[in-house]
């Protein structure tokens, strides 16, 4: 039984956080979201599902995410 998933509140900017996180485990997919790649349970063209949470993939990040998916799939 795992703890409920909650957003992480940080005073650090997402850009600074993104630079500290290992790129092979995390990816920026939206201005407001960085996701843990091993937690993704489903993907559609413009969204990522992590458990019961749906996260949008923005136009700015969808090419990089598509590239990741082509290697992953």
N, C-alpha and C. Protein backbone atom coordinates (compact mmCIF):
# COMPACT_ATOMS: atom_id res chain seq x y z
N UNK A 1 0.87 -1.18 0.00
CA UNK A 1 0.00 0.00 0.00
C UNK A 1 0.91 1.23 0.00
N UNK A 2 0.85 2.00 -1.08
CA UNK A 2 1.74 3.16 -1.18
C UNK A 2 1.03 4.43 -0.72
N UNK A 3 1.82 5.39 -0.33
CA UNK A 3 1.28 6.68 0.12
C UNK A 3 0.63 7.39 -1.06
N UNK A 4 -0.38 8.22 -0.79
CA UNK A 4 -1.01 8.95 -1.90
C UNK A 4 0.00 9.88 -2.57
N UNK A 5 -0.10 10.01 -3.88
CA UNK A 5 0.81 10.87 -4.62
C UNK A 5 0.35 12.31 -4.47
N UNK A 6 1.28 13.17 -4.08
CA UNK A 6 0.96 14.58 -3.94
C UNK A 6 1.99 15.39 -4.72
N UNK A 7 1.58 16.54 -5.26
CA UNK A 7 2.57 17.41 -5.91
C UNK A 7 3.63 17.83 -4.90
N UNK A 8 4.83 18.06 -5.39
CA UNK A 8 5.91 18.53 -4.53
C UNK A 8 5.92 20.06 -4.60
N UNK A 9 5.86 20.70 -3.46
CA UNK A 9 5.92 22.16 -3.41
C UNK A 9 7.37 22.57 -3.25
N UNK A 10 7.83 23.44 -4.12
CA UNK A 10 9.23 23.86 -4.07
C UNK A 10 9.33 25.35 -4.35
N UNK A 11 10.22 26.02 -3.66
CA UNK A 11 10.45 27.43 -3.93
C UNK A 11 11.49 27.61 -5.04
N UNK A 12 12.11 26.50 -5.43
CA UNK A 12 13.05 26.52 -6.53
C UNK A 12 12.26 26.58 -7.84
N UNK A 13 12.78 27.28 -8.83
CA UNK A 13 12.09 27.28 -10.12
C UNK A 13 12.17 25.89 -10.74
N UNK A 14 11.20 25.58 -11.59
CA UNK A 14 11.23 24.27 -12.25
C UNK A 14 12.47 24.14 -13.12
N UNK A 15 12.92 25.24 -13.71
CA UNK A 15 14.12 25.19 -14.53
C UNK A 15 15.33 24.76 -13.70
N UNK A 16 15.49 25.35 -12.52
CA UNK A 16 16.61 24.98 -11.64
C UNK A 16 16.48 23.53 -11.19
N UNK A 17 15.26 23.12 -10.88
CA UNK A 17 15.01 21.75 -10.46
C UNK A 17 15.32 20.77 -11.59
N UNK A 18 14.86 21.13 -12.79
CA UNK A 18 15.09 20.29 -13.97
C UNK A 18 16.59 20.07 -14.20
N UNK A 19 17.39 21.10 -13.98
CA UNK A 19 18.84 20.99 -14.19
C UNK A 19 19.50 20.07 -13.16
N UNK A 20 18.89 19.93 -11.99
CA UNK A 20 19.45 19.08 -10.94
C UNK A 20 19.02 17.61 -11.05
N UNK A 21 17.88 17.38 -11.68
CA UNK A 21 17.35 16.02 -11.77
C UNK A 21 18.06 15.24 -12.88
N UNK A 22 18.27 13.93 -12.70
CA UNK A 22 18.92 13.13 -13.77
C UNK A 22 18.02 13.04 -15.00
N UNK A 23 18.56 13.45 -16.14
CA UNK A 23 17.78 13.54 -17.38
C UNK A 23 17.23 12.19 -17.85
N UNK A 24 17.86 11.09 -17.47
CA UNK A 24 17.32 9.80 -17.93
C UNK A 24 16.17 9.32 -17.08
N UNK A 25 15.88 10.02 -15.97
CA UNK A 25 14.78 9.60 -15.11
C UNK A 25 13.63 10.60 -15.06
N UNK A 26 13.90 11.85 -15.43
CA UNK A 26 12.88 12.90 -15.37
C UNK A 26 12.85 13.69 -16.66
N UNK A 27 11.68 14.19 -17.02
CA UNK A 27 11.57 15.00 -18.23
C UNK A 27 10.58 16.13 -18.03
N UNK A 28 10.94 17.29 -18.53
CA UNK A 28 10.04 18.44 -18.53
C UNK A 28 9.07 18.22 -19.68
N UNK A 29 7.77 18.23 -19.40
CA UNK A 29 6.77 18.00 -20.45
C UNK A 29 5.82 19.18 -20.62
N UNK A 30 5.97 20.17 -19.74
CA UNK A 30 5.05 21.31 -19.74
C UNK A 30 5.70 22.41 -18.91
N UNK A 31 5.26 23.63 -19.12
CA UNK A 31 5.77 24.76 -18.32
C UNK A 31 5.63 24.49 -16.83
N UNK A 32 4.58 23.75 -16.47
CA UNK A 32 4.28 23.51 -15.04
C UNK A 32 4.59 22.10 -14.55
N UNK A 33 5.12 21.23 -15.41
CA UNK A 33 5.29 19.82 -15.01
C UNK A 33 6.62 19.23 -15.42
N UNK A 34 7.25 18.53 -14.48
CA UNK A 34 8.37 17.63 -14.76
C UNK A 34 7.88 16.27 -14.28
N UNK A 35 8.04 15.23 -15.09
CA UNK A 35 7.53 13.91 -14.69
C UNK A 35 8.68 12.92 -14.48
N UNK A 36 8.44 11.98 -13.57
CA UNK A 36 9.35 10.85 -13.37
C UNK A 36 8.98 9.81 -14.43
N UNK A 37 9.90 9.55 -15.34
CA UNK A 37 9.59 8.71 -16.49
C UNK A 37 9.16 7.30 -16.10
N UNK A 38 9.69 6.77 -15.00
CA UNK A 38 9.33 5.40 -14.61
C UNK A 38 7.97 5.32 -13.93
N UNK A 39 7.32 6.45 -13.71
CA UNK A 39 5.98 6.46 -13.09
C UNK A 39 4.86 6.58 -14.11
N UNK A 40 5.21 6.79 -15.37
CA UNK A 40 4.19 6.96 -16.42
C UNK A 40 3.46 5.64 -16.62
N UNK A 41 2.11 5.69 -16.53
CA UNK A 41 1.35 4.46 -16.72
C UNK A 41 0.66 4.40 -18.08
N UNK A 42 0.46 5.56 -18.74
CA UNK A 42 -0.15 5.58 -20.07
C UNK A 42 0.20 6.89 -20.75
N UNK A 43 0.15 6.87 -22.09
CA UNK A 43 0.48 8.05 -22.87
C UNK A 43 -0.52 8.18 -24.02
N UNK A 44 -0.99 9.40 -24.26
CA UNK A 44 -1.73 9.67 -25.49
C UNK A 44 -0.92 10.73 -26.25
N UNK A 45 -1.47 11.22 -27.33
CA UNK A 45 -0.73 12.17 -28.15
C UNK A 45 -0.29 13.41 -27.36
N UNK A 46 -1.19 13.92 -26.51
CA UNK A 46 -0.89 15.17 -25.81
C UNK A 46 -0.97 15.08 -24.30
N UNK A 47 -1.06 13.87 -23.76
CA UNK A 47 -1.14 13.74 -22.30
C UNK A 47 -0.34 12.54 -21.82
N UNK A 48 -0.02 12.59 -20.53
CA UNK A 48 0.67 11.50 -19.83
C UNK A 48 -0.21 11.14 -18.65
N UNK A 49 -0.35 9.86 -18.40
CA UNK A 49 -1.10 9.40 -17.24
C UNK A 49 -0.11 8.86 -16.22
N UNK A 50 -0.20 9.36 -14.98
CA UNK A 50 0.59 8.82 -13.87
C UNK A 50 -0.42 8.46 -12.80
N UNK A 51 -0.70 7.17 -12.67
CA UNK A 51 -1.77 6.74 -11.78
C UNK A 51 -3.09 7.32 -12.25
N UNK A 52 -3.77 8.06 -11.40
CA UNK A 52 -5.06 8.66 -11.77
C UNK A 52 -4.93 10.11 -12.23
N UNK A 53 -3.69 10.59 -12.31
CA UNK A 53 -3.46 12.00 -12.68
C UNK A 53 -3.09 12.10 -14.16
N UNK A 54 -3.77 13.01 -14.86
CA UNK A 54 -3.46 13.27 -16.27
C UNK A 54 -2.68 14.58 -16.36
N UNK A 55 -1.55 14.52 -17.05
CA UNK A 55 -0.67 15.68 -17.19
C UNK A 55 -0.56 16.03 -18.67
N UNK A 56 -0.76 17.31 -18.99
CA UNK A 56 -0.65 17.70 -20.40
C UNK A 56 0.81 17.75 -20.86
N UNK A 57 1.02 17.44 -22.14
CA UNK A 57 2.33 17.64 -22.76
C UNK A 57 2.17 18.87 -23.65
N UNK A 58 2.94 19.93 -23.38
CA UNK A 58 2.78 21.16 -24.14
C UNK A 58 3.44 21.04 -25.51
N UNK A 59 3.01 21.89 -26.44
CA UNK A 59 3.59 21.92 -27.78
C UNK A 59 5.09 22.12 -27.72
N UNK A 60 5.53 22.96 -26.79
CA UNK A 60 6.95 23.28 -26.65
C UNK A 60 7.79 22.04 -26.31
N UNK A 61 7.18 21.06 -25.61
CA UNK A 61 7.94 19.89 -25.15
C UNK A 61 7.58 18.59 -25.87
N UNK A 62 6.58 18.63 -26.76
CA UNK A 62 6.11 17.35 -27.31
C UNK A 62 7.11 16.69 -28.26
N UNK A 63 7.95 17.46 -28.94
CA UNK A 63 8.95 16.83 -29.83
C UNK A 63 9.98 16.05 -29.02
N UNK A 64 10.46 16.65 -27.94
CA UNK A 64 11.44 15.95 -27.08
C UNK A 64 10.80 14.72 -26.45
N UNK A 65 9.53 14.84 -26.06
CA UNK A 65 8.86 13.70 -25.45
C UNK A 65 8.63 12.59 -26.47
N UNK A 66 8.25 12.96 -27.69
CA UNK A 66 8.07 11.96 -28.76
C UNK A 66 9.38 11.23 -29.04
N UNK A 67 10.48 11.97 -29.00
CA UNK A 67 11.80 11.36 -29.21
C UNK A 67 12.10 10.35 -28.10
N UNK A 68 11.80 10.73 -26.87
CA UNK A 68 11.97 9.81 -25.73
C UNK A 68 11.13 8.55 -25.95
N UNK A 69 9.87 8.74 -26.35
CA UNK A 69 8.97 7.59 -26.53
C UNK A 69 9.47 6.65 -27.61
N UNK A 70 10.03 7.20 -28.69
CA UNK A 70 10.51 6.34 -29.77
C UNK A 70 11.66 5.45 -29.31
N UNK A 71 12.48 5.95 -28.38
CA UNK A 71 13.57 5.13 -27.83
C UNK A 71 13.04 4.13 -26.81
N UNK A 72 12.06 4.56 -26.05
CA UNK A 72 11.51 3.79 -24.93
C UNK A 72 10.64 2.65 -25.43
N UNK A 73 9.79 2.96 -26.43
CA UNK A 73 8.84 1.98 -26.95
C UNK A 73 9.53 1.01 -27.82
